Amino acid sequence: MAGSYRNGKDRMERDSSVTGIVLTVAVHLCILGAGLSGGLTYIYPPPEEESILLDFSEDIESPVIREMSGEEPRAVKPDPQREVELVQRSEGQVEGHKANEAMEATTGDDGDVEVPEPPRKKEINRRALFHAANNRAQKDTLAPQTAAEPTDELKSGHASGTAENGKEIGVPKARLKGRSPVNGYLPAPEYPVQKAGTVVVNIKVDNYGNVTGQPSINMEETNVTDQELWQAAINAAKKTKFNRTLDAPPLQEGTITYIFRLK
């Protein structure tokens, strides 16, 4: 009797434990379902957020609202400062438009800006001016003279001569490698007789630029046999002075050509 009572009691305890577990699981499932359904539900904003906001300030009034209210439109007071700003802005736009038109007018087909060329100054032919001045000076100074003496300031390398009042001037031309006459001039021979021809004189020059020894006539290049022309050329060659140089040989040979021409 006691054993059957104990067995019944154990069975009741097991049934109550199973029932408690089932109820606990069911409660948790209900809570989980409620949470999921609440999380997936879209929350609509309140009606105030979806409404359209209208600005009923004094500065902006809709004509429709004025008609509905029956109020007459109020006169807007002019703002002088605002009008000045508008005028300045419009003037700036007009000036900018004019500048753009000017830029387009000076722009070529390739898009390059064509800058107008400044006016050129008229060039003056200075050589012509000096030539005219020299001509005037010569006309004033080269008047007929009765006693003209030959000059000794004839530049080396000239190939022409002048005859003044019957006195011929020989024009010298030196040929000496690496050397040049002192002051760039060669003494001109003095000869009062009117004769023409070319006389070439052989010379020897030392390191100091002096013509040493006796100059001789170069017969291959001389085209006259007049002894007076020869002697005049030799005398002028003896008076010639060249520049000093230590690089030249002790005796350097060269020539001086004298051209005698009648005017």
Protein backbone atom coordinates (compact mmCIF):
# COMPACT_ATOMS: atom_id res chain seq x y z
CA MET A 1 0.00 0.00 0.00
CA ALA A 2 2.81 2.35 0.93
CA GLY A 3 4.71 1.48 -2.29
CA SER A 4 1.84 2.33 -4.57
CA TYR A 5 1.40 5.68 -2.83
CA ARG A 6 5.02 6.56 -3.33
CA ASN A 7 4.87 5.71 -7.02
CA GLY A 8 1.85 7.91 -7.57
CA LYS A 9 3.55 10.79 -5.83
CA ASP A 10 6.65 10.48 -8.04
CA ARG A 11 4.53 10.42 -11.18
CA MET A 12 2.75 13.62 -10.17
CA GLU A 13 6.07 15.40 -9.53
CA ARG A 14 7.38 14.43 -12.98
CA ASP A 15 4.18 15.62 -14.66
CA SER A 16 4.32 18.97 -12.86
CA SER A 17 8.01 19.47 -13.87
CA VAL A 18 7.25 18.79 -17.53
CA THR A 19 4.30 21.15 -17.42
CA GLY A 20 6.49 23.93 -15.92
CA ILE A 21 9.13 23.53 -18.60
CA VAL A 22 6.53 23.67 -21.35
CA LEU A 23 4.97 26.82 -19.90
CA THR A 24 8.38 28.49 -19.56
CA VAL A 25 9.25 27.75 -23.19
CA ALA A 26 5.86 29.03 -24.34
CA VAL A 27 6.30 32.30 -22.43
CA HIS A 28 9.75 32.89 -23.95
CA LEU A 29 8.43 32.19 -27.45
CA CYS A 30 5.64 34.72 -26.94
CA ILE A 31 8.11 37.37 -25.76
CA LEU A 32 10.42 36.69 -28.73
CA GLY A 33 7.54 36.90 -31.22
CA ALA A 34 6.35 40.19 -29.75
CA GLY A 35 9.85 41.63 -29.97
CA LEU A 36 10.32 40.60 -33.60
CA SER A 37 6.95 41.96 -34.64
CA GLY A 38 7.70 45.26 -32.93
CA GLY A 39 11.14 45.60 -34.59
CA LEU A 40 9.83 45.01 -38.12
CA THR A 41 6.98 47.43 -37.73
CA TYR A 42 7.59 50.83 -39.50
CA ILE A 43 7.05 53.76 -37.22
CA TYR A 44 5.38 56.53 -39.17
CA PRO A 45 6.38 60.09 -38.25
CA PRO A 46 3.86 62.18 -36.45
CA PRO A 47 1.54 64.28 -38.60
CA GLU A 48 3.38 67.46 -37.60
CA GLU A 49 6.57 66.40 -39.45
CA GLU A 50 4.76 65.71 -42.73
CA SER A 51 2.94 69.02 -42.80
CA ILE A 52 3.98 71.85 -45.15
CA LEU A 53 5.44 74.87 -43.42
CA LEU A 54 4.18 78.22 -44.65
CA ASP A 55 6.05 81.44 -43.95
CA PHE A 56 3.56 84.15 -42.95
CA SER A 57 6.21 86.76 -42.15
CA GLU A 58 5.70 90.42 -43.00
CA ASP A 59 8.31 90.44 -45.77
CA ILE A 60 6.76 87.65 -47.89
CA GLU A 61 2.99 87.41 -48.46
CA SER A 62 1.31 85.35 -51.12
CA PRO A 63 -1.12 87.22 -53.43
CA VAL A 64 -3.59 84.34 -52.97
CA ILE A 65 -3.55 84.84 -49.21
CA ARG A 66 -4.15 88.56 -49.69
CA GLU A 67 -7.17 87.85 -51.91
CA MET A 68 -8.59 85.38 -49.40
CA SER A 69 -8.08 87.76 -46.51
CA GLY A 70 -9.35 90.77 -48.45
CA GLU A 71 -6.38 92.90 -47.45
CA GLU A 72 -4.95 95.44 -49.82
CA PRO A 73 -1.27 95.02 -50.80
CA ARG A 74 0.98 97.13 -48.70
CA ALA A 75 3.31 99.62 -50.38
CA VAL A 76 6.94 98.58 -50.19
CA LYS A 77 9.26 101.31 -49.02
CA PRO A 78 12.13 101.92 -51.48
CA ASP A 79 15.59 101.12 -50.18
CA PRO A 80 18.10 103.66 -51.59
CA GLN A 81 21.09 101.55 -50.66
CA ARG A 82 19.67 98.49 -52.41
CA GLU A 83 18.91 100.55 -55.53
CA VAL A 84 22.52 101.81 -55.61
CA GLU A 85 23.80 98.26 -55.31
CA LEU A 86 21.56 97.11 -58.17
CA VAL A 87 22.72 100.00 -60.38
CA GLN A 88 26.38 99.27 -59.64
CA ARG A 89 25.86 95.59 -60.32
CA SER A 90 24.16 96.28 -63.66
CA GLU A 91 26.93 98.71 -64.68
CA GLY A 92 29.57 96.10 -63.81
CA GLN A 93 27.76 93.52 -65.92
CA VAL A 94 27.60 95.94 -68.87
CA GLU A 95 31.33 96.72 -68.60
CA GLY A 96 32.17 93.02 -68.38
CA HIS A 97 30.04 92.36 -71.45
CA LYS A 98 31.84 95.13 -73.36
CA ALA A 99 35.22 93.72 -72.31
CA ASN A 100 34.20 90.27 -73.55
CA GLU A 101 33.08 91.74 -76.88
CA ALA A 102 36.41 93.55 -77.23
CA MET A 103 38.29 90.35 -76.44
CA GLU A 104 36.27 88.42 -79.02
CA ALA A 105 36.91 91.13 -81.60
CA THR A 106 40.69 90.89 -81.07
CA THR A 107 40.73 87.09 -81.07
CA GLY A 108 41.66 85.28 -84.27
CA ASP A 109 40.20 82.14 -85.73
CA ASP A 110 42.69 80.00 -83.82
CA GLY A 111 41.75 81.51 -80.48
CA ASP A 112 44.97 83.53 -80.13
CA VAL A 113 44.68 87.07 -78.90
CA GLU A 114 45.75 89.54 -81.55
CA VAL A 115 47.55 92.43 -79.88
CA PRO A 116 47.61 95.55 -82.05
CA GLU A 117 51.15 96.38 -83.14
CA PRO A 118 52.40 99.68 -81.70
CA PRO A 119 53.23 102.36 -84.25
CA ARG A 120 56.84 102.18 -85.33
CA LYS A 121 59.07 105.18 -85.20
CA LYS A 122 60.32 106.34 -88.54
CA GLU A 123 63.94 105.33 -88.86
CA ILE A 124 66.42 108.00 -89.81
CA ASN A 125 69.21 107.16 -92.18
CA ARG A 126 72.11 108.44 -90.10
CA ARG A 127 74.58 107.53 -92.81
CA ALA A 128 72.79 109.77 -95.25
CA LEU A 129 72.81 112.61 -92.72
CA PHE A 130 76.51 112.21 -92.04
CA HIS A 131 77.19 111.89 -95.75
CA ALA A 132 75.44 115.16 -96.39
CA ALA A 133 77.31 116.80 -93.51
CA ASN A 134 80.61 115.50 -94.83
CA ASN A 135 79.81 116.81 -98.30
CA ARG A 136 79.05 120.23 -96.87
CA ALA A 137 82.25 120.18 -94.83
CA GLN A 138 84.30 119.20 -97.85
CA LYS A 139 82.79 121.94 -99.94
CA ASP A 140 83.62 124.44 -97.21
CA THR A 141 87.17 123.27 -96.45
CA LEU A 142 88.46 121.96 -99.78
CA ALA A 143 88.63 125.30 -101.50
CA PRO A 144 91.23 125.81 -104.26
CA GLN A 145 94.65 125.93 -102.65
CA THR A 146 97.92 127.20 -104.03
CA ALA A 147 100.40 125.15 -101.96
CA ALA A 148 99.19 121.74 -100.81
CA GLU A 149 101.51 119.32 -99.07
CA PRO A 150 101.00 115.52 -99.08
CA THR A 151 99.72 114.07 -95.82
CA ASP A 152 101.39 111.29 -93.81
CA GLU A 153 98.15 110.04 -92.19
CA LEU A 154 97.00 107.51 -94.78
CA LYS A 155 95.52 104.40 -93.21
CA SER A 156 97.05 101.03 -94.03
CA GLY A 157 95.11 98.97 -96.54
CA HIS A 158 93.80 101.75 -98.80
CA ALA A 159 93.85 101.10 -102.54
CA SER A 160 93.31 104.60 -103.86
CA GLY A 161 95.23 107.86 -103.91
CA THR A 162 94.72 111.53 -104.54
CA ALA A 163 96.73 114.17 -106.36
CA GLU A 164 96.59 117.70 -105.06
CA ASN A 165 98.13 120.48 -107.16
CA GLY A 166 100.42 118.10 -109.05
CA LYS A 167 101.77 116.22 -106.02
CA GLU A 168 101.02 112.49 -105.99
CA ILE A 169 100.27 110.66 -102.72
CA GLY A 170 101.16 106.96 -102.62
CA VAL A 171 98.77 104.83 -100.58
CA PRO A 172 100.62 102.04 -98.71
CA LYS A 173 99.40 98.57 -97.80
CA ALA A 174 101.48 96.32 -95.49
CA ARG A 175 101.61 92.52 -95.61
CA LEU A 176 103.32 91.13 -92.48
CA LYS A 177 101.82 88.11 -90.69
CA GLY A 178 100.67 88.85 -87.16
CA ARG A 179 101.91 92.44 -87.20
CA SER A 180 100.28 95.79 -87.75
CA PRO A 181 101.57 99.35 -88.07
CA VAL A 182 101.79 101.45 -84.92
CA ASN A 183 98.61 103.53 -84.57
CA GLY A 184 97.25 101.66 -87.62
CA TYR A 185 98.91 103.98 -90.17
CA LEU A 186 101.80 103.68 -92.62
CA PRO A 187 103.93 106.65 -93.69
CA ALA A 188 103.01 107.78 -97.19
CA PRO A 189 105.77 108.37 -99.72
CA GLU A 190 106.37 111.94 -100.83
CA TYR A 191 106.78 112.45 -104.55
CA PRO A 192 106.14 115.75 -106.37
CA VAL A 193 106.15 114.37 -109.93
CA GLN A 194 102.89 113.28 -111.55
CA LYS A 195 103.44 109.60 -112.25
CA ALA A 196 101.35 106.48 -111.68
CA GLY A 197 102.21 102.90 -110.85
CA THR A 198 102.52 100.22 -108.17
CA VAL A 199 105.73 99.67 -106.22
CA VAL A 200 106.15 96.70 -103.83
CA VAL A 201 109.00 96.90 -101.29
CA ASN A 202 110.50 93.90 -99.44
CA ILE A 203 111.15 94.61 -95.74
CA LYS A 204 112.60 92.87 -92.66
CA VAL A 205 111.22 93.69 -89.19
CA ASP A 206 112.74 92.81 -85.79
CA ASN A 207 110.95 91.96 -82.52
CA TYR A 208 110.70 95.63 -81.63
CA GLY A 209 108.84 96.48 -84.85
CA ASN A 210 111.66 98.37 -86.57
CA VAL A 211 112.42 97.97 -90.26
CA THR A 212 116.07 96.86 -90.37
CA GLY A 213 118.56 96.71 -93.23
CA GLN A 214 117.99 98.12 -96.67
CA PRO A 215 114.48 97.56 -98.15
CA SER A 216 114.50 96.20 -101.69
CA ILE A 217 112.11 96.37 -104.65
CA ASN A 218 109.98 93.29 -105.34
CA MET A 219 110.36 93.05 -109.09
CA GLU A 220 107.66 90.36 -109.50
CA GLU A 221 104.86 92.58 -108.18
CA THR A 222 106.15 96.03 -109.14
CA ASN A 223 104.77 97.25 -112.48
CA VAL A 224 106.91 100.38 -113.03
CA THR A 225 110.64 100.96 -113.57
CA ASP A 226 110.73 104.60 -112.56
CA GLN A 227 113.63 105.09 -110.13
CA GLU A 228 112.03 108.10 -108.49
CA LEU A 229 108.94 106.04 -107.53
CA TRP A 230 111.16 103.26 -106.25
CA GLN A 231 113.20 105.60 -104.06
CA ALA A 232 110.07 107.31 -102.70
CA ALA A 233 108.63 103.91 -101.71
CA ILE A 234 111.92 102.76 -100.09
CA ASN A 235 112.22 105.97 -98.06
CA ALA A 236 108.64 105.57 -96.78
CA ALA A 237 109.28 101.91 -95.87
CA LYS A 238 112.31 102.86 -93.74
CA LYS A 239 110.13 105.17 -91.62
CA THR A 240 107.51 102.47 -90.96
CA LYS A 241 107.09 101.24 -87.36
CA PHE A 242 105.22 98.02 -86.48
CA ASN A 243 103.91 96.73 -83.16
CA ARG A 244 106.29 95.00 -80.78
CA THR A 245 105.90 91.26 -80.16
CA LEU A 246 108.17 88.61 -78.62
CA ASP A 247 106.44 85.73 -80.41
CA ALA A 248 107.69 86.80 -83.83
CA PRO A 249 111.05 85.58 -85.20
CA PRO A 250 114.12 87.83 -84.77
CA LEU A 251 113.75 89.00 -88.36
CA GLN A 252 110.34 88.75 -89.97
CA GLU A 253 110.03 89.32 -93.70
CA GLY A 254 107.09 91.05 -95.39
CA THR A 255 106.15 93.58 -98.02
CA ILE A 256 104.63 97.03 -98.31
CA THR A 257 102.72 97.95 -101.45
CA TYR A 258 102.56 101.58 -102.58
CA ILE A 259 99.99 102.54 -105.21
CA PHE A 260 100.53 105.82 -107.02
CA ARG A 261 97.50 107.14 -108.91
CA LEU A 262 96.82 110.42 -110.59
CA LYS A 263 93.53 112.11 -109.99
